[in-house]
């Protein structure tokens, strides 16, 4: 029996690409593995055990290599899949489930309504024979979502990230595909081959049409407005106070750094502000020297629009590990609603 589905040259190339992907985020396996098994189940008579084994081998090897590359580059892991204590699992699943429902209740209710509509294909004689395959497709999507929910809920990482829902995006999107398969799959399967292309094109046009009706036509202005709304909360204050470094919660400092630097670039100014938070080790060669000279440090207050933020306000900022090493002594020189400004308070250093 053929164990792997591809030859050695393609396997090596695939392994390199997989390692790079998992170097970016080792949590990719949480979405890839359900897709591999789903594809295997849906392939029916054409399913290939060699293809499944190849995918699993690449996923396992890519995860291992990705973690090794992170350590080699001295960067923190993007996702650690360490398992939490067993007694914490039920609490994690309860909180994770409650947060999922709170954010996606309307989405899930709409999908449920579409499934109710799909029951009509059981009644119609021409589509009835095609329903079982649609049910299998939907079952695969539901199984993937459930499996990912259970597995992610057992990890310490999801607790550290306050049960953030981004770890479910892949299978939540897959659920919509499964529902779409149940709603239109039996109908398309019953369409005469000569008309199938036309019907498929018409259905495909519904997606951009729906998006335009819901969100308006695409434009650079609307994209920029979205960036300003989601990441520009602190920009005006950071520029006005001439801050050079940012400290605070992970979910605040990185969006603030991005938008402030983008704004300076738009103005043609060769200036930057640097975030000092988790994963800032990689950029240390760029900002390390300036942090020892005359830095102006912005301690960011939370943006109410950022659902991730649960950290302290500037008066309770408590420097994280790296910032504590970089700025052992600081003093506040200005207080604003969205940030507090600090400078170094080393006796040997003049105030700015």
C-alpha atoms as a PDB file:
ATOM      1  CA  UNK A   1       0.000   0.000   0.000  1.00  0.00           C
ATOM      2  CA  UNK A   2       1.234   3.475  -0.854  1.00  0.00           C
ATOM      3  CA  UNK A   3       1.870   5.299   2.422  1.00  0.00           C
ATOM      4  CA  UNK A   4       2.349   8.859   1.138  1.00  0.00           C
ATOM      5  CA  UNK A   5       0.410  10.541  -1.663  1.00  0.00           C
ATOM      6  CA  UNK A   6       3.321  12.530  -3.146  1.00  0.00           C
ATOM      7  CA  UNK A   7       6.917  11.923  -4.160  1.00  0.00           C
ATOM      8  CA  UNK A   8       9.991  12.984  -2.207  1.00  0.00           C
ATOM      9  CA  UNK A   9      10.686  16.311  -4.033  1.00  0.00           C
ATOM     10  CA  UNK A  10       7.116  17.529  -3.566  1.00  0.00           C
ATOM     11  CA  UNK A  11       7.097  16.236   0.007  1.00  0.00           C
ATOM     12  CA  UNK A  12      10.216  18.257   0.840  1.00  0.00           C
ATOM     13  CA  UNK A  13       8.743  21.392  -0.740  1.00  0.00           C
ATOM     14  CA  UNK A  14       5.462  20.851   1.103  1.00  0.00           C
ATOM     15  CA  UNK A  15       7.338  20.371   4.369  1.00  0.00           C
ATOM     16  CA  UNK A  16       9.232  23.659   3.883  1.00  0.00           C
ATOM     17  CA  UNK A  17       6.012  25.574   3.184  1.00  0.00           C
ATOM     18  CA  UNK A  18       4.249  23.901   6.118  1.00  0.00           C
ATOM     19  CA  UNK A  19       7.126  24.714   8.472  1.00  0.00           C
ATOM     20  CA  UNK A  20       6.967  28.382   7.429  1.00  0.00           C
ATOM     21  CA  UNK A  21       3.198  28.420   8.015  1.00  0.00           C
ATOM     22  CA  UNK A  22       3.555  26.902  11.481  1.00  0.00           C
ATOM     23  CA  UNK A  23       6.482  29.180  12.239  1.00  0.00           C
ATOM     24  CA  UNK A  24       3.928  31.968  11.831  1.00  0.00           C
ATOM     25  CA  UNK A  25       1.386  30.235  14.080  1.00  0.00           C
ATOM     26  CA  UNK A  26       1.574  26.707  15.438  1.00  0.00           C
ATOM     27  CA  UNK A  27      -2.155  26.851  16.151  1.00  0.00           C
ATOM     28  CA  UNK A  28      -2.892  26.330  12.441  1.00  0.00           C
ATOM     29  CA  UNK A  29      -3.315  22.633  13.152  1.00  0.00           C
ATOM     30  CA  UNK A  30      -6.551  23.380  15.009  1.00  0.00           C
ATOM     31  CA  UNK A  31      -8.150  24.196  11.660  1.00  0.00           C
ATOM     32  CA  UNK A  32      -6.096  22.005   9.322  1.00  0.00           C
ATOM     33  CA  UNK A  33      -6.706  18.660  11.056  1.00  0.00           C
ATOM     34  CA  UNK A  34     -10.543  18.879  10.916  1.00  0.00           C
ATOM     35  CA  UNK A  35     -10.294  19.805   7.225  1.00  0.00           C
ATOM     36  CA  UNK A  36      -8.063  16.781   6.544  1.00  0.00           C
ATOM     37  CA  UNK A  37     -10.502  14.355   8.160  1.00  0.00           C
ATOM     38  CA  UNK A  38     -13.491  16.107   6.597  1.00  0.00           C
ATOM     39  CA  UNK A  39     -11.986  15.796   3.140  1.00  0.00           C
ATOM     40  CA  UNK A  40     -11.278  12.106   3.782  1.00  0.00           C
ATOM     41  CA  UNK A  41     -14.871  11.408   4.831  1.00  0.00           C
ATOM     42  CA  UNK A  42     -16.444  13.344   1.967  1.00  0.00           C
ATOM     43  CA  UNK A  43     -14.264  11.741  -0.705  1.00  0.00           C
ATOM     44  CA  UNK A  44     -16.350   8.570  -0.511  1.00  0.00           C
ATOM     45  CA  UNK A  45     -15.083   5.872  -2.837  1.00  0.00           C
ATOM     46  CA  UNK A  46     -12.311   8.175  -4.032  1.00  0.00           C
ATOM     47  CA  UNK A  47     -10.892   8.686  -0.560  1.00  0.00           C
ATOM     48  CA  UNK A  48      -7.176   8.122  -0.174  1.00  0.00           C
ATOM     49  CA  UNK A  49      -5.604   6.937   3.048  1.00  0.00           C
ATOM     50  CA  UNK A  50      -2.219   7.955   1.648  1.00  0.00           C
ATOM     51  CA  UNK A  51      -3.465  11.545   1.228  1.00  0.00           C
ATOM     52  CA  UNK A  52      -4.760  11.623   4.815  1.00  0.00           C
ATOM     53  CA  UNK A  53      -1.505  10.207   6.176  1.00  0.00           C
ATOM     54  CA  UNK A  54       0.494  12.735   4.128  1.00  0.00           C
ATOM     55  CA  UNK A  55      -1.542  15.608   5.493  1.00  0.00           C
ATOM     56  CA  UNK A  56      -1.189  14.424   9.087  1.00  0.00           C
ATOM     57  CA  UNK A  57       2.565  13.864   8.690  1.00  0.00           C
ATOM     58  CA  UNK A  58       3.034  17.342   7.251  1.00  0.00           C
ATOM     59  CA  UNK A  59       0.908  18.855  10.012  1.00  0.00           C
ATOM     60  CA  UNK A  60       2.832  17.087  12.788  1.00  0.00           C
ATOM     61  CA  UNK A  61       6.242  17.796  11.274  1.00  0.00           C
ATOM     62  CA  UNK A  62       5.292  21.391  10.452  1.00  0.00           C
ATOM     63  CA  UNK A  63       4.152  22.008  14.022  1.00  0.00           C
ATOM     64  CA  UNK A  64       7.397  20.620  15.434  1.00  0.00           C
ATOM     65  CA  UNK A  65       9.577  22.573  12.984  1.00  0.00           C
ATOM     66  CA  UNK A  66       7.578  25.748  13.518  1.00  0.00           C
ATOM     67  CA  UNK A  67       8.181  25.604  17.264  1.00  0.00           C
ATOM     68  CA  UNK A  68      11.894  24.930  16.714  1.00  0.00           C
ATOM     69  CA  UNK A  69      12.139  27.929  14.369  1.00  0.00           C
ATOM     70  CA  UNK A  70      10.453  30.161  16.943  1.00  0.00           C
ATOM     71  CA  UNK A  71      12.962  29.157  19.582  1.00  0.00           C
ATOM     72  CA  UNK A  72      15.829  29.573  17.118  1.00  0.00           C
ATOM     73  CA  UNK A  73      14.719  33.152  16.400  1.00  0.00           C
ATOM     74  CA  UNK A  74      14.179  33.864  20.082  1.00  0.00           C
ATOM     75  CA  UNK A  75      10.511  34.690  19.673  1.00  0.00           C
ATOM     76  CA  UNK A  76       7.656  33.638  21.911  1.00  0.00           C
ATOM     77  CA  UNK A  77       5.338  30.942  20.610  1.00  0.00           C
ATOM     78  CA  UNK A  78       2.256  32.297  18.894  1.00  0.00           C
ATOM     79  CA  UNK A  79       0.167  29.545  20.450  1.00  0.00           C
ATOM     80  CA  UNK A  80       1.096  27.079  23.165  1.00  0.00           C
ATOM     81  CA  UNK A  81      -1.168  24.054  23.173  1.00  0.00           C
ATOM     82  CA  UNK A  82      -0.317  22.930  26.692  1.00  0.00           C
ATOM     83  CA  UNK A  83      -3.233  21.257  28.454  1.00  0.00           C
ATOM     84  CA  UNK A  84      -4.834  22.918  31.474  1.00  0.00           C
ATOM     85  CA  UNK A  85      -5.555  20.976  34.655  1.00  0.00           C
ATOM     86  CA  UNK A  86      -8.426  18.551  34.134  1.00  0.00           C
ATOM     87  CA  UNK A  87     -10.524  20.119  36.887  1.00  0.00           C
ATOM     88  CA  UNK A  88     -10.529  23.385  34.890  1.00  0.00           C
ATOM     89  CA  UNK A  89     -11.916  21.873  31.692  1.00  0.00           C
ATOM     90  CA  UNK A  90     -15.620  22.136  32.545  1.00  0.00           C
ATOM     91  CA  UNK A  91     -15.230  25.768  33.565  1.00  0.00           C
ATOM     92  CA  UNK A  92     -13.336  26.518  30.352  1.00  0.00           C
ATOM     93  CA  UNK A  93     -15.970  24.856  28.164  1.00  0.00           C
ATOM     94  CA  UNK A  94     -18.755  26.710  29.987  1.00  0.00           C
ATOM     95  CA  UNK A  95     -17.112  30.133  29.630  1.00  0.00           C
ATOM     96  CA  UNK A  96     -15.956  29.429  26.083  1.00  0.00           C
ATOM     97  CA  UNK A  97     -19.449  28.305  25.078  1.00  0.00           C
ATOM     98  CA  UNK A  98     -21.132  31.279  26.740  1.00  0.00           C
ATOM     99  CA  UNK A  99     -18.804  33.698  24.980  1.00  0.00           C
ATOM    100  CA  UNK A 100     -19.308  31.959  21.624  1.00  0.00           C
ATOM    101  CA  UNK A 101     -23.087  32.192  21.949  1.00  0.00           C
ATOM    102  CA  UNK A 102     -22.957  35.813  23.158  1.00  0.00           C
ATOM    103  CA  UNK A 103     -21.017  36.861  20.048  1.00  0.00           C
ATOM    104  CA  UNK A 104     -22.528  34.538  17.437  1.00  0.00           C
ATOM    105  CA  UNK A 105     -26.097  33.953  18.589  1.00  0.00           C
ATOM    106  CA  UNK A 106     -27.596  35.774  15.584  1.00  0.00           C
ATOM    107  CA  UNK A 107     -25.228  33.961  13.213  1.00  0.00           C
ATOM    108  CA  UNK A 108     -26.144  30.553  14.624  1.00  0.00           C
ATOM    109  CA  UNK A 109     -29.869  31.338  14.671  1.00  0.00           C
ATOM    110  CA  UNK A 110     -29.758  32.353  10.996  1.00  0.00           C
ATOM    111  CA  UNK A 111     -27.927  29.135  10.118  1.00  0.00           C
ATOM    112  CA  UNK A 112     -30.571  27.186  12.032  1.00  0.00           C
ATOM    113  CA  UNK A 113     -33.322  28.933  10.049  1.00  0.00           C
ATOM    114  CA  UNK A 114     -31.608  28.077   6.778  1.00  0.00           C
ATOM    115  CA  UNK A 115     -31.374  24.449   7.844  1.00  0.00           C
ATOM    116  CA  UNK A 116     -35.093  24.449   8.573  1.00  0.00           C
ATOM    117  CA  UNK A 117     -35.672  25.691   5.027  1.00  0.00           C
ATOM    118  CA  UNK A 118     -33.399  22.925   3.688  1.00  0.00           C
ATOM    119  CA  UNK A 119     -35.868  20.312   4.977  1.00  0.00           C
ATOM    120  CA  UNK A 120     -37.951  21.044   1.887  1.00  0.00           C
ATOM    121  CA  UNK A 121     -35.488  18.953  -0.152  1.00  0.00           C
ATOM    122  CA  UNK A 122     -36.581  15.867   1.799  1.00  0.00           C
ATOM    123  CA  UNK A 123     -40.137  16.374   0.529  1.00  0.00           C
ATOM    124  CA  UNK A 124     -39.313  17.133  -3.115  1.00  0.00           C
ATOM    125  CA  UNK A 125     -38.906  13.873  -4.998  1.00  0.00           C
ATOM    126  CA  UNK A 126     -36.209  15.088  -7.411  1.00  0.00           C
ATOM    127  CA  UNK A 127     -33.901  16.236  -4.596  1.00  0.00           C
ATOM    128  CA  UNK A 128     -34.631  13.583  -1.940  1.00  0.00           C
ATOM    129  CA  UNK A 129     -31.953  11.175  -3.125  1.00  0.00           C
ATOM    130  CA  UNK A 130     -29.268  13.881  -2.860  1.00  0.00           C
ATOM    131  CA  UNK A 131     -30.041  14.836   0.733  1.00  0.00           C
ATOM    132  CA  UNK A 132     -27.859  12.144   2.428  1.00  0.00           C
ATOM    133  CA  UNK A 133     -24.622  13.512   0.957  1.00  0.00           C
ATOM    134  CA  UNK A 134     -25.547  17.025   2.068  1.00  0.00           C
ATOM    135  CA  UNK A 135     -26.234  15.662   5.547  1.00  0.00           C
ATOM    136  CA  UNK A 136     -22.812  14.006   5.634  1.00  0.00           C
ATOM    137  CA  UNK A 137     -21.172  17.276   4.595  1.00  0.00           C
ATOM    138  CA  UNK A 138     -23.049  19.153   7.320  1.00  0.00           C
ATOM    139  CA  UNK A 139     -22.188  16.480   9.890  1.00  0.00           C
ATOM    140  CA  UNK A 140     -18.497  16.829   9.051  1.00  0.00           C
ATOM    141  CA  UNK A 141     -18.693  20.606   9.594  1.00  0.00           C
ATOM    142  CA  UNK A 142     -20.519  20.189  12.917  1.00  0.00           C
ATOM    143  CA  UNK A 143     -18.058  17.495  14.048  1.00  0.00           C
ATOM    144  CA  UNK A 144     -15.127  19.757  13.163  1.00  0.00           C
ATOM    145  CA  UNK A 145     -16.635  22.650  15.113  1.00  0.00           C
ATOM    146  CA  UNK A 146     -17.405  20.450  18.121  1.00  0.00           C
ATOM    147  CA  UNK A 147     -13.991  18.811  18.117  1.00  0.00           C
ATOM    148  CA  UNK A 148     -12.178  22.115  17.889  1.00  0.00           C
ATOM    149  CA  UNK A 149     -14.317  23.556  20.678  1.00  0.00           C
ATOM    150  CA  UNK A 150     -13.577  20.614  22.985  1.00  0.00           C
ATOM    151  CA  UNK A 151      -9.848  20.508  22.231  1.00  0.00           C
ATOM    152  CA  UNK A 152      -9.267  24.257  22.444  1.00  0.00           C
ATOM    153  CA  UNK A 153     -11.284  24.397  25.655  1.00  0.00           C
ATOM    154  CA  UNK A 154      -8.822  22.066  27.364  1.00  0.00           C
ATOM    155  CA  UNK A 155      -5.780  24.236  26.663  1.00  0.00           C
ATOM    156  CA  UNK A 156      -4.103  26.658  28.988  1.00  0.00           C
ATOM    157  CA  UNK A 157      -3.707  29.068  26.085  1.00  0.00           C
ATOM    158  CA  UNK A 158      -7.429  29.718  25.737  1.00  0.00           C
ATOM    159  CA  UNK A 159      -7.612  30.589  29.429  1.00  0.00           C
ATOM    160  CA  UNK A 160      -4.669  32.965  29.145  1.00  0.00           C
ATOM    161  CA  UNK A 161      -6.428  34.670  26.237  1.00  0.00           C
ATOM    162  CA  UNK A 162      -9.729  35.053  28.106  1.00  0.00           C
ATOM    163  CA  UNK A 163     -11.521  32.508  25.872  1.00  0.00           C
ATOM    164  CA  UNK A 164     -10.998  34.592  22.770  1.00  0.00           C
ATOM    165  CA  UNK A 165     -13.130  33.430  19.845  1.00  0.00           C
ATOM    166  CA  UNK A 166     -10.540  33.798  17.090  1.00  0.00           C
ATOM    167  CA  UNK A 167      -9.509  30.187  17.731  1.00  0.00           C
ATOM    168  CA  UNK A 168     -12.929  29.109  16.441  1.00  0.00           C
ATOM    169  CA  UNK A 169     -13.092  31.273  13.311  1.00  0.00           C
ATOM    170  CA  UNK A 170     -12.034  28.486  10.962  1.00  0.00           C
ATOM    171  CA  UNK A 171     -14.660  25.937  11.968  1.00  0.00           C
ATOM    172  CA  UNK A 172     -17.370  28.578  12.513  1.00  0.00           C
ATOM    173  CA  UNK A 173     -16.834  29.554   8.875  1.00  0.00           C
ATOM    174  CA  UNK A 174     -16.806  25.867   7.889  1.00  0.00           C
ATOM    175  CA  UNK A 175     -20.192  25.481   9.587  1.00  0.00           C
ATOM    176  CA  UNK A 176     -21.626  28.109   7.233  1.00  0.00           C
ATOM    177  CA  UNK A 177     -20.237  26.148   4.278  1.00  0.00           C
ATOM    178  CA  UNK A 178     -21.872  22.989   5.620  1.00  0.00           C
ATOM    179  CA  UNK A 179     -25.211  24.752   5.964  1.00  0.00           C
ATOM    180  CA  UNK A 180     -24.866  26.212   2.458  1.00  0.00           C
ATOM    181  CA  UNK A 181     -24.252  22.685   1.181  1.00  0.00           C
ATOM    182  CA  UNK A 182     -27.474  21.514   2.829  1.00  0.00           C
ATOM    183  CA  UNK A 183     -29.461  24.492   1.482  1.00  0.00           C
ATOM    184  CA  UNK A 184     -28.344  24.476  -2.156  1.00  0.00           C
ATOM    185  CA  UNK A 185     -26.524  21.142  -2.581  1.00  0.00           C
ATOM    186  CA  UNK A 186     -29.515  18.858  -3.234  1.00  0.00           C
ATOM    187  CA  UNK A 187     -31.033  21.430  -5.582  1.00  0.00           C
ATOM    188  CA  UNK A 188     -27.827  21.788  -7.616  1.00  0.00           C
ATOM    189  CA  UNK A 189     -27.395  18.026  -7.760  1.00  0.00           C
ATOM    190  CA  UNK A 190     -30.878  17.734  -9.278  1.00  0.00           C
ATOM    191  CA  UNK A 191     -30.321  20.401 -11.929  1.00  0.00           C
ATOM    192  CA  UNK A 192     -29.842  19.095 -15.451  1.00  0.00           C
ATOM    193  CA  UNK A 193     -26.148  19.107 -16.462  1.00  0.00           C
ATOM    194  CA  UNK A 194     -26.838  21.494 -19.335  1.00  0.00           C
ATOM    195  CA  UNK A 195     -28.226  24.134 -16.961  1.00  0.00           C
ATOM    196  CA  UNK A 196     -25.879  23.570 -14.040  1.00  0.00           C
ATOM    197  CA  UNK A 197     -23.230  26.088 -15.137  1.00  0.00           C
ATOM    198  CA  UNK A 198     -25.760  28.909 -15.505  1.00  0.00           C
ATOM    199  CA  UNK A 199     -27.385  28.157 -12.153  1.00  0.00           C
ATOM    200  CA  UNK A 200     -23.987  27.944 -10.421  1.00  0.00           C
ATOM    201  CA  UNK A 201     -22.913  31.327 -11.836  1.00  0.00           C
ATOM    202  CA  UNK A 202     -26.171  32.916 -10.672  1.00  0.00           C
ATOM    203  CA  UNK A 203     -25.705  31.522  -7.162  1.00  0.00           C
ATOM    204  CA  UNK A 204     -22.083  32.725  -7.137  1.00  0.00           C
ATOM    205  CA  UNK A 205     -23.183  36.270  -7.985  1.00  0.00           C
ATOM    206  CA  UNK A 206     -25.361  36.329  -4.873  1.00  0.00           C
ATOM    207  CA  UNK A 207     -22.293  36.507  -2.594  1.00  0.00           C
ATOM    208  CA  UNK A 208     -20.824  39.833  -3.822  1.00  0.00           C
ATOM    209  CA  UNK A 209     -24.318  41.239  -4.285  1.00  0.00           C
ATOM    210  CA  UNK A 210     -25.205  40.431  -0.679  1.00  0.00           C
ATOM    211  CA  UNK A 211     -21.908  41.910   0.535  1.00  0.00           C
ATOM    212  CA  UNK A 212     -22.523  45.177  -1.333  1.00  0.00           C
ATOM    213  CA  UNK A 213     -26.080  45.417   0.006  1.00  0.00           C
ATOM    214  CA  UNK A 214     -24.865  44.808   3.547  1.00  0.00           C
ATOM    215  CA  UNK A 215     -21.608  46.798   3.635  1.00  0.00           C
ATOM    216  CA  UNK A 216     -21.680  49.092   0.603  1.00  0.00           C
ATOM    217  CA  UNK A 217     -19.337  49.124  -2.378  1.00  0.00           C
ATOM    218  CA  UNK A 218     -15.613  48.569  -1.719  1.00  0.00           C
ATOM    219  CA  UNK A 219     -13.486  51.705  -1.340  1.00  0.00           C
ATOM    220  CA  UNK A 220     -10.129  52.756   0.029  1.00  0.00           C
ATOM    221  CA  UNK A 221     -11.886  55.387   2.148  1.00  0.00           C
ATOM    222  CA  UNK A 222     -14.102  52.847   3.897  1.00  0.00           C
ATOM    223  CA  UNK A 223     -11.131  50.558   4.500  1.00  0.00           C
ATOM    224  CA  UNK A 224      -9.167  53.427   6.027  1.00  0.00           C
ATOM    225  CA  UNK A 225     -12.159  54.439   8.140  1.00  0.00           C
ATOM    226  CA  UNK A 226     -12.300  50.900   9.475  1.00  0.00           C
ATOM    227  CA  UNK A 227      -8.616  51.032  10.409  1.00  0.00           C
ATOM    228  CA  UNK A 228      -9.061  54.391  12.109  1.00  0.00           C
ATOM    229  CA  UNK A 229     -11.981  53.086  14.123  1.00  0.00           C
ATOM    230  CA  UNK A 230     -10.350  49.824  15.188  1.00  0.00           C
ATOM    231  CA  UNK A 231      -6.735  50.920  15.810  1.00  0.00           C
ATOM    232  CA  UNK A 232      -6.616  54.716  15.945  1.00  0.00           C
ATOM    233  CA  UNK A 233      -7.974  55.222  19.462  1.00  0.00           C
ATOM    234  CA  UNK A 234      -4.635  56.468  20.860  1.00  0.00           C
ATOM    235  CA  UNK A 235      -2.953  57.956  17.764  1.00  0.00           C
ATOM    236  CA  UNK A 236      -3.709  61.651  18.242  1.00  0.00           C
ATOM    237  CA  UNK A 237      -2.543  61.606  21.868  1.00  0.00           C
ATOM    238  CA  UNK A 238       0.612  59.611  21.054  1.00  0.00           C
ATOM    239  CA  UNK A 239       1.610  62.060  18.339  1.00  0.00           C
ATOM    240  CA  UNK A 240       0.703  65.107  20.413  1.00  0.00           C
ATOM    241  CA  UNK A 241       2.751  63.894  23.411  1.00  0.00           C
ATOM    242  CA  UNK A 242       5.656  62.802  21.183  1.00  0.00           C
ATOM    243  CA  UNK A 243       5.781  59.301  22.677  1.00  0.00           C
ATOM    244  CA  UNK A 244       8.559  57.023  21.470  1.00  0.00           C
ATOM    245  CA  UNK A 245       7.669  53.769  23.247  1.00  0.00           C
ATOM    246  CA  UNK A 246       4.435  52.100  24.319  1.00  0.00           C
ATOM    247  CA  UNK A 247       3.732  49.890  27.316  1.00  0.00           C
ATOM    248  CA  UNK A 248       0.570  48.231  28.503  1.00  0.00           C
ATOM    249  CA  UNK A 249      -1.695  45.418  27.432  1.00  0.00           C
ATOM    250  CA  UNK A 250      -0.738  43.328  24.404  1.00  0.00           C
ATOM    251  CA  UNK A 251      -4.070  44.066  22.679  1.00  0.00           C
ATOM    252  CA  UNK A 252      -3.558  47.818  23.031  1.00  0.00           C
ATOM    253  CA  UNK A 253       0.102  48.488  22.265  1.00  0.00           C
ATOM    254  CA  UNK A 254       0.326  46.657  18.938  1.00  0.00           C
ATOM    255  CA  UNK A 255      -2.733  48.285  17.291  1.00  0.00           C
ATOM    256  CA  UNK A 256      -1.564  51.656  18.651  1.00  0.00           C
ATOM    257  CA  UNK A 257       1.939  51.167  17.236  1.00  0.00           C
ATOM    258  CA  UNK A 258       0.564  50.167  13.834  1.00  0.00           C
ATOM    259  CA  UNK A 259      -1.826  53.089  13.441  1.00  0.00           C
ATOM    260  CA  UNK A 260       0.548  55.739  14.796  1.00  0.00           C
ATOM    261  CA  UNK A 261       3.384  54.655  12.503  1.00  0.00           C
ATOM    262  CA  UNK A 262       0.988  54.491   9.554  1.00  0.00           C
ATOM    263  CA  UNK A 263      -0.178  58.042  10.302  1.00  0.00           C
ATOM    264  CA  UNK A 264       3.384  59.347  10.467  1.00  0.00           C
ATOM    265  CA  UNK A 265       4.197  57.597   7.187  1.00  0.00           C
ATOM    266  CA  UNK A 266       1.137  59.176   5.553  1.00  0.00           C
ATOM    267  CA  UNK A 267       2.446  62.579   6.653  1.00  0.00           C
ATOM    268  CA  UNK A 268       5.857  61.853   5.170  1.00  0.00           C
ATOM    269  CA  UNK A 269       7.600  61.882   8.550  1.00  0.00           C
ATOM    270  CA  UNK A 270      10.413  59.432   9.244  1.00  0.00           C
ATOM    271  CA  UNK A 271       9.392  58.716  12.828  1.00  0.00           C
ATOM    272  CA  UNK A 272       8.317  55.613  14.710  1.00  0.00           C
ATOM    273  CA  UNK A 273       6.851  54.572  18.012  1.00  0.00           C
ATOM    274  CA  UNK A 274       7.818  51.157  19.392  1.00  0.00           C
ATOM    275  CA  UNK A 275       5.651  48.703  21.312  1.00  0.00           C
ATOM    276  CA  UNK A 276       7.279  46.986  24.279  1.00  0.00           C
ATOM    277  CA  UNK A 277       5.110  44.005  25.031  1.00  0.00           C
ATOM    278  CA  UNK A 278       4.941  40.290  24.400  1.00  0.00           C
ATOM    279  CA  UNK A 279       6.831  39.384  21.173  1.00  0.00           C
ATOM    280  CA  UNK A 280       8.722  42.675  21.039  1.00  0.00           C
ATOM    281  CA  UNK A 281      11.987  40.763  21.430  1.00  0.00           C
ATOM    282  CA  UNK A 282      12.346  40.463  17.656  1.00  0.00           C
ATOM    283  CA  UNK A 283      12.322  44.252  17.156  1.00  0.00           C
ATOM    284  CA  UNK A 284      14.643  44.988  20.100  1.00  0.00           C
ATOM    285  CA  UNK A 285      17.622  45.851  17.830  1.00  0.00           C
ATOM    286  CA  UNK A 286      15.529  48.696  16.341  1.00  0.00           C
ATOM    287  CA  UNK A 287      14.317  50.287  19.586  1.00  0.00           C
ATOM    288  CA  UNK A 288      16.773  49.140  22.255  1.00  0.00           C
ATOM    289  CA  UNK A 289      19.184  52.069  21.961  1.00  0.00           C
ATOM    290  CA  UNK A 290      16.477  54.737  21.980  1.00  0.00           C
ATOM    291  CA  UNK A 291      14.971  53.197  25.112  1.00  0.00           C
ATOM    292  CA  UNK A 292      18.191  53.954  27.013  1.00  0.00           C
ATOM    293  CA  UNK A 293      18.408  57.600  25.911  1.00  0.00           C
ATOM    294  CA  UNK A 294      15.470  60.011  26.334  1.00  0.00           C
ATOM    295  CA  UNK A 295      12.325  57.960  25.758  1.00  0.00           C
ATOM    296  CA  UNK A 296       8.823  59.254  26.259  1.00  0.00           C
ATOM    297  CA  UNK A 297       6.764  56.259  27.299  1.00  0.00           C
ATOM    298  CA  UNK A 298       3.045  56.036  26.693  1.00  0.00           C
ATOM    299  CA  UNK A 299       1.099  53.792  29.079  1.00  0.00           C
ATOM    300  CA  UNK A 300      -2.148  53.112  27.263  1.00  0.00           C
ATOM    301  CA  UNK A 301      -5.607  53.133  28.763  1.00  0.00           C
ATOM    302  CA  UNK A 302      -8.003  50.476  27.432  1.00  0.00           C
ATOM    303  CA  UNK A 303     -10.071  51.083  24.332  1.00  0.00           C
ATOM    304  CA  UNK A 304     -13.675  50.111  25.139  1.00  0.00           C
ATOM    305  CA  UNK A 305     -14.071  48.907  21.553  1.00  0.00           C
ATOM    306  CA  UNK A 306     -11.423  46.200  21.998  1.00  0.00           C
ATOM    307  CA  UNK A 307     -13.174  43.130  23.422  1.00  0.00           C
ATOM    308  CA  UNK A 308      -9.882  41.426  24.315  1.00  0.00           C
ATOM    309  CA  UNK A 309      -8.735  44.005  26.821  1.00  0.00           C
ATOM    310  CA  UNK A 310      -9.036  43.010  30.466  1.00  0.00           C
ATOM    311  CA  UNK A 311      -5.796  44.497  31.764  1.00  0.00           C
ATOM    312  CA  UNK A 312      -5.026  47.357  34.128  1.00  0.00           C
ATOM    313  CA  UNK A 313      -5.536  51.080  33.648  1.00  0.00           C
ATOM    314  CA  UNK A 314      -2.379  53.259  33.430  1.00  0.00           C
ATOM    315  CA  UNK A 315      -2.288  53.900  37.170  1.00  0.00           C
ATOM    316  CA  UNK A 316      -2.004  50.148  37.731  1.00  0.00           C
ATOM    317  CA  UNK A 317      -0.004  49.368  34.635  1.00  0.00           C
ATOM    318  CA  UNK A 318       2.556  47.092  36.296  1.00  0.00           C
ATOM    319  CA  UNK A 319       5.272  46.832  33.676  1.00  0.00           C
ATOM    320  CA  UNK A 320       5.419  43.436  31.947  1.00  0.00           C
ATOM    321  CA  UNK A 321       8.651  41.456  32.150  1.00  0.00           C
ATOM    322  CA  UNK A 322      10.535  43.025  29.241  1.00  0.00           C
ATOM    323  CA  UNK A 323       9.376  46.598  29.952  1.00  0.00           C
ATOM    324  CA  UNK A 324      10.365  46.205  33.595  1.00  0.00           C
ATOM    325  CA  UNK A 325      13.898  45.317  32.502  1.00  0.00           C
ATOM    326  CA  UNK A 326      14.090  48.166  29.979  1.00  0.00           C
ATOM    327  CA  UNK A 327      12.590  50.842  32.222  1.00  0.00           C
ATOM    328  CA  UNK A 328      13.482  49.965  35.826  1.00  0.00           C
ATOM    329  CA  UNK A 329      12.487  53.449  37.044  1.00  0.00           C
ATOM    330  CA  UNK A 330       9.971  55.773  35.421  1.00  0.00           C
ATOM    331  CA  UNK A 331       7.937  58.784  36.534  1.00  0.00           C
ATOM    332  CA  UNK A 332       4.700  60.221  35.203  1.00  0.00           C
ATOM    333  CA  UNK A 333       4.852  63.692  33.638  1.00  0.00           C
ATOM    334  CA  UNK A 334       1.433  63.886  31.994  1.00  0.00           C
ATOM    335  CA  UNK A 335      -1.950  62.290  32.445  1.00  0.00           C
ATOM    336  CA  UNK A 336      -4.596  62.030  29.715  1.00  0.00           C
ATOM    337  CA  UNK A 337      -7.812  60.007  29.493  1.00  0.00           C
ATOM    338  CA  UNK A 338      -6.375  57.650  26.896  1.00  0.00           C
ATOM    339  CA  UNK A 339      -2.758  57.426  28.024  1.00  0.00           C
ATOM    340  CA  UNK A 340      -0.307  58.500  30.666  1.00  0.00           C
ATOM    341  CA  UNK A 341       3.143  59.731  29.684  1.00  0.00           C
ATOM    342  CA  UNK A 342       6.252  58.617  31.558  1.00  0.00           C
ATOM    343  CA  UNK A 343       9.973  59.335  31.316  1.00  0.00           C
ATOM    344  CA  UNK A 344      12.958  57.574  32.820  1.00  0.00           C
ATOM    345  CA  UNK A 345      13.622  58.449  36.423  1.00  0.00           C
ATOM    346  CA  UNK A 346      17.210  57.223  36.599  1.00  0.00           C
ATOM    347  CA  UNK A 347      19.245  59.637  38.751  1.00  0.00           C
ATOM    348  CA  UNK A 348      22.037  59.655  36.203  1.00  0.00           C
ATOM    349  CA  UNK A 349      19.780  60.628  33.300  1.00  0.00           C
ATOM    350  CA  UNK A 350      18.578  64.178  32.617  1.00  0.00           C
ATOM    351  CA  UNK A 351      14.849  64.707  32.231  1.00  0.00           C
ATOM    352  CA  UNK A 352      13.729  65.398  28.649  1.00  0.00           C
END
